[in-house]
Protein backbone atom coordinates (compact mmCIF):
# COMPACT_ATOMS: atom_id res chain seq x y z
CA UNK A 1 -7.18 -1.54 27.66
CA UNK A 2 -10.16 0.07 25.89
CA UNK A 3 -10.41 -0.63 22.21
CA UNK A 4 -10.41 2.62 20.14
CA UNK A 5 -12.93 2.70 17.21
CA UNK A 6 -11.06 3.12 13.97
CA UNK A 7 -13.80 1.68 11.90
CA UNK A 8 -12.50 -0.73 9.26
CA UNK A 9 -8.85 0.30 10.14
CA UNK A 10 -9.23 -1.78 13.41
CA UNK A 11 -8.67 -4.95 11.41
CA UNK A 12 -5.24 -3.73 10.18
CA UNK A 13 -3.47 -3.16 13.48
CA UNK A 14 -0.81 -5.67 14.29
CA UNK A 15 2.44 -7.20 13.05
CA UNK A 16 1.85 -9.20 9.78
CA UNK A 17 4.27 -11.71 8.11
CA UNK A 18 4.15 -13.68 4.96
CA UNK A 19 6.58 -15.83 3.01
CA UNK A 20 4.57 -16.34 -0.25
CA UNK A 21 5.10 -13.03 -2.02
CA UNK A 22 5.78 -12.69 -5.63
CA UNK A 23 7.16 -9.44 -7.28
CA UNK A 24 7.21 -9.08 -11.07
CA UNK A 25 9.45 -6.19 -12.01
CA UNK A 26 10.85 -4.74 -15.31
CA UNK A 27 14.33 -5.58 -16.78
CA UNK A 28 15.95 -3.86 -19.66
CA UNK A 29 14.70 -6.76 -21.77
CA UNK A 30 11.80 -8.68 -20.30
CA UNK A 31 10.85 -9.00 -16.61
CA UNK A 32 12.00 -10.67 -13.43
CA UNK A 33 9.97 -12.59 -11.02
CA UNK A 34 11.23 -12.58 -7.37
CA UNK A 35 9.80 -14.57 -4.41
CA UNK A 36 9.86 -12.69 -1.23
CA UNK A 37 8.91 -12.49 2.47
CA UNK A 38 7.89 -9.48 4.34
CA UNK A 39 6.97 -7.92 7.68
CA UNK A 40 4.18 -5.37 7.74
CA UNK A 41 3.76 -3.44 11.03
CA UNK A 42 0.51 -1.35 11.34
CA UNK A 43 -0.12 0.77 14.58
CA UNK A 44 -2.68 3.07 15.84
CA UNK A 45 -1.82 6.85 15.32
CA UNK A 46 -5.20 8.56 16.23
CA UNK A 47 -7.61 10.79 14.58
CA UNK A 48 -6.86 14.04 12.83
CA UNK A 49 -9.21 17.02 12.51
CA UNK A 50 -8.77 19.04 9.25
CA UNK A 51 -9.96 22.60 9.06
CA UNK A 52 -12.29 21.97 12.03
CA UNK A 53 -14.72 20.11 9.74
CA UNK A 54 -13.27 16.66 8.87
CA UNK A 55 -12.05 13.95 11.13
CA UNK A 56 -9.87 11.19 9.75
CA UNK A 57 -9.02 8.04 11.57
CA UNK A 58 -5.59 6.80 10.86
CA UNK A 59 -3.01 4.11 11.28
CA UNK A 60 0.65 4.18 10.38
CA UNK A 61 2.54 1.29 8.67
CA UNK A 62 5.99 0.16 7.77
CA UNK A 63 6.52 -2.52 5.13
CA UNK A 64 9.80 -4.28 4.75
CA UNK A 65 10.16 -6.80 1.87
CA UNK A 66 13.22 -9.26 1.63
CA UNK A 67 14.32 -11.51 -1.31
CA UNK A 68 13.53 -15.04 -0.31
CA UNK A 69 16.68 -16.36 -1.91
CA UNK A 70 19.19 -14.12 -0.28
CA UNK A 71 17.51 -11.96 2.40
CA UNK A 72 18.38 -8.75 0.74
CA UNK A 73 15.89 -5.92 1.37
CA UNK A 74 14.17 -5.36 -1.98
CA UNK A 75 11.56 -2.85 -0.77
CA UNK A 76 10.96 -0.57 2.06
CA UNK A 77 7.84 1.52 2.37
CA UNK A 78 6.16 3.80 4.93
CA UNK A 79 2.79 5.31 5.09
CA UNK A 80 -0.54 5.72 6.56
CA UNK A 81 -4.07 4.41 5.95
CA UNK A 82 -6.94 6.88 6.68
CA UNK A 83 -10.64 6.51 6.91
CA UNK A 84 -13.22 9.22 6.82
CA UNK A 85 -16.40 7.89 8.60
CA UNK A 86 -18.52 10.77 7.14
CA UNK A 87 -17.95 9.82 3.56
CA UNK A 88 -16.73 6.17 4.00
CA UNK A 89 -13.59 7.10 1.81
CA UNK A 90 -10.41 5.08 2.51
CA UNK A 91 -7.00 6.61 1.69
CA UNK A 92 -3.45 5.27 1.65
CA UNK A 93 -0.46 7.48 1.52
CA UNK A 94 2.97 5.92 0.91
CA UNK A 95 6.64 6.85 0.33
CA UNK A 96 9.46 4.74 -0.88
CA UNK A 97 13.19 5.48 -0.75
CA UNK A 98 13.37 6.07 -4.57
CA UNK A 99 11.83 9.48 -3.83
CA UNK A 100 8.32 8.50 -5.01
CA UNK A 101 5.22 9.19 -2.99
CA UNK A 102 1.54 8.93 -3.71
CA UNK A 103 -1.90 9.39 -2.15
CA UNK A 104 -4.53 6.71 -3.25
CA UNK A 105 -8.19 6.77 -2.45
CA UNK A 106 -11.06 4.47 -2.75
CA UNK A 107 -13.49 2.30 -0.85
CA UNK A 108 -13.63 -0.40 1.84
CA UNK A 109 -16.32 -3.07 1.83
CA UNK A 110 -16.99 -4.96 5.00
CA UNK A 111 -18.97 -8.17 5.45
CA UNK A 112 -18.71 -9.59 8.90
CA UNK A 113 -14.98 -10.20 9.74
CA UNK A 114 -13.91 -9.60 6.04
CA UNK A 115 -13.01 -6.28 4.62
CA UNK A 116 -11.79 -5.47 1.12
CA UNK A 117 -9.82 -2.18 0.78
CA UNK A 118 -9.41 -0.94 -2.83
CA UNK A 119 -7.53 2.24 -3.56
CA UNK A 120 -5.89 3.79 -6.65
CA UNK A 121 -4.08 6.80 -7.89
CA UNK A 122 -2.73 8.00 -11.12
CA UNK A 123 -0.38 10.69 -12.51
CA UNK A 124 -2.08 14.07 -12.89
CA UNK A 125 -5.21 13.24 -10.82
CA UNK A 126 -6.23 16.18 -8.79
CA UNK A 127 -7.48 14.02 -5.81
CA UNK A 128 -5.40 10.94 -5.87
CA UNK A 129 -1.88 11.68 -7.29
CA UNK A 130 1.63 10.67 -7.60
CA UNK A 131 4.78 12.74 -6.99
CA UNK A 132 8.25 11.71 -7.87
CA UNK A 133 11.78 13.11 -8.18
CA UNK A 134 13.01 14.18 -11.65
CA UNK A 135 15.23 11.25 -12.28
CA UNK A 136 12.44 8.89 -11.57
CA UNK A 137 9.99 10.94 -13.54
CA UNK A 138 12.35 10.83 -16.60
CA UNK A 139 13.65 7.27 -16.30
CA UNK A 140 11.17 5.11 -14.36
CA UNK A 141 8.00 7.15 -14.18
CA UNK A 142 5.09 5.80 -12.06
CA UNK A 143 1.85 6.72 -13.88
CA UNK A 144 -0.77 4.74 -11.93
CA UNK A 145 -1.17 2.62 -8.82
CA UNK A 146 -3.86 0.16 -7.69
CA UNK A 147 -3.92 -1.81 -4.45
CA UNK A 148 -6.61 -4.30 -3.21
CA UNK A 149 -6.10 -5.76 0.27
CA UNK A 150 -8.49 -8.24 1.73
CA UNK A 151 -8.42 -8.77 5.55
CA UNK A 152 -10.28 -11.61 7.26
CA UNK A 153 -9.51 -12.22 10.95
CA UNK A 154 -5.73 -12.92 11.16
CA UNK A 155 -5.30 -13.27 7.49
CA UNK A 156 -4.39 -10.52 4.94
CA UNK A 157 -3.96 -10.89 1.21
CA UNK A 158 -2.99 -8.05 -1.18
CA UNK A 159 -2.52 -7.42 -4.85
CA UNK A 160 -0.97 -4.23 -6.14
CA UNK A 161 -0.02 -2.93 -9.56
CA UNK A 162 2.30 0.05 -10.28
CA UNK A 163 2.20 1.14 -13.88
CA UNK A 164 5.56 2.31 -15.03
CA UNK A 165 7.04 3.95 -18.10
CA UNK A 166 10.56 2.41 -18.04
CA UNK A 167 13.09 1.18 -20.57
CA UNK A 168 11.00 2.72 -23.43
CA UNK A 169 7.84 0.75 -22.59
CA UNK A 170 4.84 0.60 -20.28
CA UNK A 171 5.28 -2.08 -17.68
CA UNK A 172 2.75 -3.37 -15.03
CA UNK A 173 4.99 -4.03 -11.94
CA UNK A 174 3.00 -6.34 -9.58
CA UNK A 175 3.27 -7.57 -6.07
CA UNK A 176 1.09 -10.11 -4.31
CA UNK A 177 1.41 -11.79 -0.94
CA UNK A 178 -0.63 -13.47 1.75
CA UNK A 179 0.23 -12.60 5.39
CA UNK A 180 -0.72 -13.77 8.88
CA UNK A 181 -1.03 -11.56 11.96
CA UNK A 182 1.48 -12.55 14.76
């Protein structure tokens, strides 16, 4: 099989698993910390040509997160990672079943086998924005998103923060995990 050159996205392809995740989410009063395990499947999609002048390289992913204590699914996310080799811009699009979607953009820095993907988006940004259904906008509004993912060989570590306006306050909902490629 011939390897397809997806630039830094090549390092992402595979089935990843990790059992060391920690989710810190808001409660009406205070916060809750949940340990979790997850499976992250990333697969080749291909390249896409936009308006005959831009070619994006892309991979599709599905992330399924389970509570370590009881195996309940606590998060399910689908999306794409894109790389523009002309500008070196990296993008992540994602959707969750709460009817929230976003497009985050940023950079990827590669040094040998190690790549660091850093993307962000914020409410109202004309380039990297957030869209949410009315209930979420009015009750648990996402105002910003940052995601840093480091890949080195068969190891992947990520940290992400979702800024929420919820329960009458601003809350930094965080997730962090280390995964290994199967």
